[in-house]
Amino acid sequence: MNIALDPQTEARLRAIADARHLSLESCLAQIVGSIAEPPLAELSPAGPKDSLVDFFRRSPLWGANLNLERVQDYPRTIDLG
């Protein structure tokens, strides 16, 4: 596969690759792999469906014991005179 990059982008990618002690090709493979991380089956509409409970269990806030109760605010009397 050939990818055409402008010189500035290529220079930035080479600097990233050098900092990671990788070849440019290996660095690009890691970057593209991280972007394409979810398997295609999960991205397709026919993929597995999770329940709402599963969705919240995967949340970074799972187990944080947050109080999500709504504070009841009752009507107040207002003096209009």
C-alpha atoms as a PDB file:
ATOM      1  CA  MET A   1       0.000   0.000   0.000  1.00  0.00           C
ATOM      2  CA  ASN A   2       1.242   3.476  -0.809  1.00  0.00           C
ATOM      3  CA  ILE A   3       0.211   6.561   1.095  1.00  0.00           C
ATOM      4  CA  ALA A   4       0.993  10.056  -0.159  1.00  0.00           C
ATOM      5  CA  LEU A   5       1.792  12.480   2.662  1.00  0.00           C
ATOM      6  CA  ASP A   6       2.681  16.133   2.534  1.00  0.00           C
ATOM      7  CA  PRO A   7       6.258  16.823   3.740  1.00  0.00           C
ATOM      8  CA  GLN A   8       5.184  18.384   7.055  1.00  0.00           C
ATOM      9  CA  THR A   9       2.991  15.430   7.990  1.00  0.00           C
ATOM     10  CA  GLU A  10       5.713  12.974   7.017  1.00  0.00           C
ATOM     11  CA  ALA A  11       8.245  14.874   9.145  1.00  0.00           C
ATOM     12  CA  ARG A  12       5.901  14.818  12.170  1.00  0.00           C
ATOM     13  CA  LEU A  13       5.262  11.089  11.727  1.00  0.00           C
ATOM     14  CA  ARG A  14       8.991  10.391  11.413  1.00  0.00           C
ATOM     15  CA  ALA A  15       9.586  12.342  14.643  1.00  0.00           C
ATOM     16  CA  ILE A  16       6.919  10.253  16.414  1.00  0.00           C
ATOM     17  CA  ALA A  17       8.436   7.043  15.031  1.00  0.00           C
ATOM     18  CA  ASP A  18      11.923   8.100  16.130  1.00  0.00           C
ATOM     19  CA  ALA A  19      10.671   8.954  19.624  1.00  0.00           C
ATOM     20  CA  ARG A  20       9.101   5.489  19.868  1.00  0.00           C
ATOM     21  CA  HIS A  21      12.222   3.822  18.422  1.00  0.00           C
ATOM     22  CA  LEU A  22      10.155   2.372  15.570  1.00  0.00           C
ATOM     23  CA  SER A  23      10.378   2.354  11.835  1.00  0.00           C
ATOM     24  CA  LEU A  24       7.986   4.697  10.104  1.00  0.00           C
ATOM     25  CA  GLU A  25       6.016   1.704   8.800  1.00  0.00           C
ATOM     26  CA  SER A  26       5.677   0.137  12.273  1.00  0.00           C
ATOM     27  CA  CYS A  27       4.643   3.450  13.785  1.00  0.00           C
ATOM     28  CA  LEU A  28       1.985   3.988  11.116  1.00  0.00           C
ATOM     29  CA  ALA A  29       0.722   0.435  11.620  1.00  0.00           C
ATOM     30  CA  GLN A  30       0.305   1.124  15.363  1.00  0.00           C
ATOM     31  CA  ILE A  31      -1.494   4.418  14.733  1.00  0.00           C
ATOM     32  CA  VAL A  32      -3.859   2.923  12.172  1.00  0.00           C
ATOM     33  CA  GLY A  33      -4.396  -0.147  14.357  1.00  0.00           C
ATOM     34  CA  SER A  34      -5.370   2.011  17.333  1.00  0.00           C
ATOM     35  CA  ILE A  35      -7.909   3.884  15.215  1.00  0.00           C
ATOM     36  CA  ALA A  36      -9.388   0.667  13.826  1.00  0.00           C
ATOM     37  CA  GLU A  37      -9.400  -1.021  17.241  1.00  0.00           C
ATOM     38  CA  PRO A  38     -13.053  -2.123  17.510  1.00  0.00           C
ATOM     39  CA  PRO A  39     -13.685  -5.283  15.511  1.00  0.00           C
ATOM     40  CA  LEU A  40     -15.846  -4.717  12.456  1.00  0.00           C
ATOM     41  CA  ALA A  41     -18.561  -6.976  13.899  1.00  0.00           C
ATOM     42  CA  GLU A  42     -19.057  -4.474  16.733  1.00  0.00           C
ATOM     43  CA  LEU A  43     -19.364  -1.576  14.284  1.00  0.00           C
ATOM     44  CA  SER A  44     -21.908  -3.191  12.004  1.00  0.00           C
ATOM     45  CA  PRO A  45     -25.625  -2.835  12.704  1.00  0.00           C
ATOM     46  CA  ALA A  46     -25.956  -6.632  12.702  1.00  0.00           C
ATOM     47  CA  GLY A  47     -23.309  -6.936  15.440  1.00  0.00           C
ATOM     48  CA  PRO A  48     -24.007  -8.056  18.989  1.00  0.00           C
ATOM     49  CA  LYS A  49     -26.390  -5.857  20.968  1.00  0.00           C
ATOM     50  CA  ASP A  50     -25.598  -5.088  24.587  1.00  0.00           C
ATOM     51  CA  SER A  51     -28.191  -4.372  27.204  1.00  0.00           C
ATOM     52  CA  LEU A  52     -28.380  -1.017  28.940  1.00  0.00           C
ATOM     53  CA  VAL A  53     -26.997  -2.657  32.073  1.00  0.00           C
ATOM     54  CA  ASP A  54     -23.938  -3.879  30.124  1.00  0.00           C
ATOM     55  CA  PHE A  55     -23.451  -0.374  28.731  1.00  0.00           C
ATOM     56  CA  PHE A  56     -23.380   1.145  32.223  1.00  0.00           C
ATOM     57  CA  ARG A  57     -21.173  -1.650  33.588  1.00  0.00           C
ATOM     58  CA  ARG A  58     -18.507  -0.707  31.028  1.00  0.00           C
ATOM     59  CA  SER A  59     -18.718   2.931  32.116  1.00  0.00           C
ATOM     60  CA  PRO A  60     -15.647   4.334  33.896  1.00  0.00           C
ATOM     61  CA  LEU A  61     -18.048   5.505  36.631  1.00  0.00           C
ATOM     62  CA  TRP A  62     -19.225   1.958  37.432  1.00  0.00           C
ATOM     63  CA  GLY A  63     -18.799   1.378  41.146  1.00  0.00           C
ATOM     64  CA  ALA A  64     -18.284   5.067  41.957  1.00  0.00           C
ATOM     65  CA  ASN A  65     -21.379   5.045  44.238  1.00  0.00           C
ATOM     66  CA  LEU A  66     -22.754   8.249  42.748  1.00  0.00           C
ATOM     67  CA  ASN A  67     -25.964   9.619  44.201  1.00  0.00           C
ATOM     68  CA  LEU A  68     -28.189  10.218  41.180  1.00  0.00           C
ATOM     69  CA  GLU A  69     -31.377  10.974  43.082  1.00  0.00           C
ATOM     70  CA  ARG A  70     -33.196  14.086  41.982  1.00  0.00           C
ATOM     71  CA  VAL A  71     -33.619  16.790  44.592  1.00  0.00           C
ATOM     72  CA  GLN A  72     -37.314  17.579  44.973  1.00  0.00           C
ATOM     73  CA  ASP A  73     -37.909  21.310  44.662  1.00  0.00           C
ATOM     74  CA  TYR A  74     -41.366  22.303  45.820  1.00  0.00           C
ATOM     75  CA  PRO A  75     -43.210  25.478  44.753  1.00  0.00           C
ATOM     76  CA  ARG A  76     -42.515  28.567  46.829  1.00  0.00           C
ATOM     77  CA  THR A  77     -44.872  31.366  47.704  1.00  0.00           C
ATOM     78  CA  ILE A  78     -43.971  34.635  46.029  1.00  0.00           C
ATOM     79  CA  ASP A  79     -45.057  38.045  47.225  1.00  0.00           C
ATOM     80  CA  LEU A  80     -46.178  39.941  44.114  1.00  0.00           C
ATOM     81  CA  GLY A  81     -47.431  42.988  45.981  1.00  0.00           C
END
